[in-house]
Amino acid sequence: MKVQIVQHIECEGPGYLEDFLHDNGIEYEIARMYEGEQLPDNFDVLIVLGGPMNVYEEQRYPYLKRLNTTTKNFVIMGGHYLGFCLGGQLLAKALGAKVRRNHTREIGNFEIQLTDGGVEDPLFKGFNPVFPALEWHGDTFEIPAVAIKVGESELCANQAFRFKNAYGLQFHLEATPEMLAEWVKVYKDELTEEEIDAAALIEELKRKADIYRELSNRLFANFFRWVKNNRSR
C-alpha cells in the first residue's frame, strides 16, 4: 500500500498522522508542494493537508489545477482520500461544490457535532457524537451534491463529508502542540485581527493534547482499517 501525503506549506505537516504511520509500519511519501515537488501518479491512498491558500488561487499556485484533476479522477474511481482543512475544501471543489468565505473565522478549540450519518460512519467509530477539535480556517466548503454530510459545528455548518471512500474534514486532528506553536507565528496577523491570545490558545491545546492524540489515533486507525478492508475484497 502506497500512501501519498500532499503538504502545501512547511508549517502544516502531517503531525500525529506521521506518528501513526511510523508506529504502524505504513509506508508513505510526502509531496512538498512548497518546494516545487511533483505529485506522483501512482498511489493507493491520498491524504491532503491544510494550508493558507484558497482553492481557487490556481494562477498563484499552478499545482492546484493538476491536484484538482488528480483528486477528482482518483475519488470518482473509489480511491481512498482524507483531506484536512484545505484538503477538505479541495475535495469539495473537485466534486463540484463551492468553497467560500465562512461568516466568521474559526480559530481555536471547538466542538464538532456528528450528524446521524456521521455517528454511523466507519471513520468515526468509537467517537462520541460531540468531540473537540482544533480549527483554523476562514473559508468553508459546501457539501457536494454527490456526498453526505457527517459533521458540523456551531460556527461552521459544514465540518465533514464523505463521498464513496473519500472524506473531507474542515477541522484538524493531525495538529500537534508543536505545530500550533509554529502556526501562531506564521499566521499571527490573523490572531491579531480576531483578537485571539496566542499563549492562551497554545495552553488550551496543551491541556487537550492527550485527548487530541487519542482522537487522531482513533480516526487514523478507522480510516486505514477501512482502506485495508476494501482492498481485501
Protein backbone atom coordinates (compact mmCIF):
# COMPACT_ATOMS: atom_id res chain seq x y z
CA MET A 1 0.00 0.00 0.00
CA LYS A 2 1.40 3.36 -1.02
CA VAL A 3 0.23 6.37 0.97
CA GLN A 4 0.79 9.75 -0.66
CA ILE A 5 0.66 12.88 1.50
CA VAL A 6 0.37 16.35 -0.04
CA GLN A 7 1.89 19.15 2.06
CA HIS A 8 1.24 22.73 0.95
CA ILE A 9 3.34 24.74 3.41
CA GLU A 10 6.20 23.84 5.73
CA CYS A 11 4.42 24.65 9.00
CA GLU A 12 1.39 22.45 8.23
CA GLY A 13 2.92 18.99 8.25
CA PRO A 14 1.42 15.56 8.94
CA GLY A 15 1.85 15.80 12.74
CA TYR A 16 0.09 12.97 14.55
CA LEU A 17 -0.57 11.30 11.19
CA GLU A 18 3.15 10.76 10.67
CA ASP A 19 3.47 9.27 14.16
CA PHE A 20 0.62 6.87 13.38
CA LEU A 21 2.15 5.77 10.08
CA HIS A 22 5.54 5.18 11.71
CA ASP A 23 4.04 3.25 14.63
CA ASN A 24 2.03 1.01 12.30
CA GLY A 25 4.72 0.37 9.74
CA ILE A 26 2.79 2.03 6.91
CA GLU A 27 4.98 3.30 4.07
CA TYR A 28 4.31 6.81 2.85
CA GLU A 29 5.75 9.62 0.78
CA ILE A 30 5.29 13.37 1.20
CA ALA A 31 4.98 15.65 -1.84
CA ARG A 32 6.15 19.04 -0.55
CA MET A 33 4.46 21.39 -2.96
CA TYR A 34 6.07 24.48 -1.38
CA GLU A 35 9.43 23.10 -2.51
CA GLY A 36 8.23 22.57 -6.06
CA GLU A 37 7.94 18.79 -5.80
CA GLN A 38 5.60 16.96 -8.15
CA LEU A 39 2.63 14.84 -7.17
CA PRO A 40 3.25 11.22 -8.26
CA ASP A 41 0.71 9.47 -10.46
CA ASN A 42 0.54 6.15 -8.63
CA PHE A 43 -0.68 5.75 -5.07
CA ASP A 44 -3.31 3.81 -3.13
CA VAL A 45 -4.21 6.44 -0.53
CA LEU A 46 -4.15 10.23 -0.92
CA ILE A 47 -4.02 12.44 2.17
CA VAL A 48 -4.06 16.22 1.63
CA LEU A 49 -3.09 18.55 4.46
CA GLY A 50 -4.02 22.14 5.22
CA GLY A 51 -2.59 25.42 4.00
CA PRO A 52 -3.26 29.17 3.86
CA MET A 53 -4.08 29.37 0.16
CA ASN A 54 -7.55 29.49 -1.36
CA VAL A 55 -8.60 26.59 -3.57
CA TYR A 56 -9.15 29.00 -6.50
CA GLU A 57 -5.64 30.52 -6.43
CA GLU A 58 -4.52 28.34 -9.32
CA GLN A 59 -2.59 31.14 -11.05
CA ARG A 60 -0.51 31.77 -7.92
CA TYR A 61 -0.20 28.05 -7.15
CA PRO A 62 -0.33 26.26 -10.53
CA TYR A 63 -0.07 22.80 -9.00
CA LEU A 64 -3.59 23.21 -7.58
CA LYS A 65 -5.04 22.73 -11.06
CA ARG A 66 -3.37 19.36 -11.51
CA LEU A 67 -4.18 18.36 -7.93
CA ASN A 68 -7.84 19.17 -8.61
CA THR A 69 -7.90 16.87 -11.65
CA THR A 70 -5.98 14.12 -9.89
CA THR A 71 -8.27 14.27 -6.86
CA LYS A 72 -11.44 14.20 -8.95
CA ASN A 73 -10.36 11.22 -11.03
CA PHE A 74 -9.00 9.35 -8.01
CA VAL A 75 -12.05 9.64 -5.75
CA ILE A 76 -14.61 9.05 -8.52
CA MET A 77 -12.89 5.72 -9.13
CA GLY A 78 -13.29 4.90 -5.43
CA GLY A 79 -9.86 5.98 -4.24
CA HIS A 80 -9.26 6.42 -0.52
CA TYR A 81 -8.82 10.11 0.29
CA LEU A 82 -8.56 12.05 3.54
CA GLY A 83 -8.38 15.84 3.49
CA PHE A 84 -7.82 18.22 6.41
CA CYS A 85 -8.99 21.85 6.20
CA LEU A 86 -7.67 22.96 2.79
CA GLY A 87 -7.56 19.28 1.86
CA GLY A 88 -11.27 19.02 2.60
CA GLN A 89 -12.00 22.18 0.62
CA LEU A 90 -10.03 20.84 -2.35
CA LEU A 91 -12.06 17.64 -2.30
CA ALA A 92 -15.30 19.63 -2.25
CA LYS A 93 -14.16 21.74 -5.21
CA ALA A 94 -13.09 18.63 -7.15
CA LEU A 95 -16.60 17.24 -6.67
CA GLY A 96 -18.27 20.41 -7.95
CA ALA A 97 -19.14 22.15 -4.66
CA LYS A 98 -18.42 25.79 -3.87
CA VAL A 99 -15.73 26.87 -1.45
CA ARG A 100 -16.38 30.32 0.03
CA ARG A 101 -15.66 32.54 2.99
CA ASN A 102 -17.29 31.40 6.21
CA HIS A 103 -19.31 34.06 8.00
CA THR A 104 -16.54 34.14 10.62
CA ARG A 105 -13.08 32.76 11.11
CA GLU A 106 -12.99 29.66 13.26
CA ILE A 107 -9.69 29.64 15.16
CA GLY A 108 -9.20 27.68 18.36
CA ASN A 109 -10.61 24.63 20.08
CA PHE A 110 -14.23 23.90 19.16
CA GLU A 111 -16.75 21.08 19.37
CA ILE A 112 -17.67 19.00 16.32
CA GLN A 113 -21.16 17.51 16.21
CA LEU A 114 -21.62 14.35 14.18
CA THR A 115 -24.77 14.07 12.09
CA ASP A 116 -26.87 10.90 12.26
CA GLY A 117 -24.89 9.68 9.28
CA GLY A 118 -21.64 10.64 10.98
CA VAL A 119 -22.45 8.64 14.09
CA GLU A 120 -22.87 5.57 11.89
CA ASP A 121 -19.90 6.30 9.63
CA PRO A 122 -16.87 3.97 9.92
CA LEU A 123 -14.45 6.90 10.08
CA PHE A 124 -15.93 7.99 13.43
CA LYS A 125 -16.34 4.57 15.02
CA GLY A 126 -15.74 4.94 18.76
CA PHE A 127 -16.22 8.72 18.71
CA ASN A 128 -18.73 10.49 20.90
CA PRO A 129 -21.44 12.35 18.95
CA VAL A 130 -19.74 15.56 20.10
CA PHE A 131 -15.94 15.78 20.32
CA PRO A 132 -13.30 18.54 20.46
CA ALA A 133 -11.05 19.53 17.56
CA LEU A 134 -8.66 22.30 16.61
CA GLU A 135 -9.89 24.74 13.97
CA TRP A 136 -8.02 27.34 11.94
CA HIS A 137 -9.83 28.49 8.83
CA GLY A 138 -11.65 31.39 7.20
CA ASP A 139 -13.04 29.54 4.18
CA THR A 140 -15.59 26.74 4.23
CA PHE A 141 -16.92 24.21 1.74
CA GLU A 142 -20.44 23.46 0.69
CA ILE A 143 -21.40 19.78 0.72
CA PRO A 144 -21.08 18.27 -2.79
CA ALA A 145 -24.38 17.07 -4.22
CA VAL A 146 -22.93 13.56 -4.55
CA ALA A 147 -21.72 13.44 -0.92
CA ILE A 148 -23.24 13.10 2.54
CA LYS A 149 -22.65 15.47 5.42
CA VAL A 150 -21.25 13.79 8.53
CA GLY A 151 -20.15 16.68 10.76
CA GLU A 152 -20.94 20.28 11.73
CA SER A 153 -20.16 22.91 14.36
CA GLU A 154 -21.84 25.93 15.87
CA LEU A 155 -19.81 28.45 13.84
CA CYS A 156 -19.42 26.42 10.66
CA ALA A 157 -22.33 24.41 9.27
CA ASN A 158 -20.20 22.01 7.22
CA GLN A 159 -17.35 20.30 9.04
CA ALA A 160 -17.11 16.90 7.37
CA PHE A 161 -18.48 14.97 4.41
CA ARG A 162 -17.99 11.66 2.67
CA PHE A 163 -18.06 10.62 -0.98
CA LYS A 164 -17.52 6.91 -1.64
CA ASN A 165 -14.13 6.28 0.05
CA ALA A 166 -13.18 9.95 0.31
CA TYR A 167 -13.53 12.23 3.33
CA GLY A 168 -13.25 16.00 3.55
CA LEU A 169 -12.72 17.43 7.05
CA GLN A 170 -12.67 21.12 7.90
CA PHE A 171 -11.04 20.60 11.29
CA HIS A 172 -7.56 19.49 12.36
CA LEU A 173 -6.96 16.31 14.35
CA GLU A 174 -3.46 15.88 12.92
CA ALA A 175 -2.05 19.04 14.52
CA THR A 176 0.37 18.75 17.44
CA PRO A 177 1.14 21.44 20.04
CA GLU A 178 4.47 21.97 18.30
CA MET A 179 2.71 22.64 15.02
CA LEU A 180 0.35 25.12 16.65
CA ALA A 181 3.34 26.97 18.13
CA GLU A 182 4.54 27.49 14.54
CA TRP A 183 1.10 28.49 13.29
CA VAL A 184 0.75 31.31 15.81
CA LYS A 185 3.99 32.78 14.43
CA VAL A 186 3.27 32.28 10.73
CA TYR A 187 -0.38 33.37 10.97
CA LYS A 188 -0.01 35.93 13.74
CA ASP A 189 -1.82 38.63 11.73
CA GLU A 190 -4.99 36.52 11.77
CA LEU A 191 -4.79 36.20 15.55
CA THR A 192 -4.36 39.96 15.85
CA GLU A 193 -7.36 40.61 13.59
CA GLU A 194 -9.50 38.21 15.63
CA GLU A 195 -8.11 39.48 18.97
CA ILE A 196 -7.08 35.96 19.97
CA ASP A 197 -4.40 35.46 22.62
CA ALA A 198 -1.75 33.15 21.15
CA ALA A 199 -0.42 32.00 24.52
CA ALA A 200 -3.90 31.06 25.73
CA LEU A 201 -4.57 29.18 22.50
CA ILE A 202 -1.39 27.14 22.84
CA GLU A 203 -2.04 26.44 26.51
CA GLU A 204 -5.54 25.16 25.79
CA LEU A 205 -4.22 22.82 23.11
CA LYS A 206 -1.58 21.52 25.51
CA ARG A 207 -4.30 20.73 28.04
CA LYS A 208 -6.18 18.81 25.37
CA ALA A 209 -3.09 17.20 23.82
CA ASP A 210 -3.74 13.72 25.22
CA ILE A 211 -7.37 13.86 24.07
CA TYR A 212 -6.39 15.03 20.59
CA ARG A 213 -3.70 12.38 20.24
CA GLU A 214 -6.22 9.69 21.22
CA LEU A 215 -8.83 11.02 18.80
CA SER A 216 -6.32 11.30 15.98
CA ASN A 217 -5.12 7.73 16.51
CA ARG A 218 -8.72 6.52 16.52
CA LEU A 219 -9.52 8.45 13.33
CA PHE A 220 -6.44 7.13 11.50
CA ALA A 221 -6.99 3.59 12.76
CA ASN A 222 -10.58 3.71 11.49
CA PHE A 223 -9.52 5.16 8.15
CA PHE A 224 -6.78 2.62 7.45
CA ARG A 225 -8.95 -0.25 8.65
CA TRP A 226 -11.48 0.88 6.05
CA VAL A 227 -8.73 1.01 3.42
CA LYS A 228 -7.50 -2.47 4.33
CA ASN A 229 -10.97 -3.99 4.34
CA ASN A 230 -11.82 -2.51 0.94
CA ARG A 231 -8.52 -3.60 -0.61
CA SER A 232 -9.04 -7.19 0.58
CA ARG A 233 -12.43 -7.54 -1.11
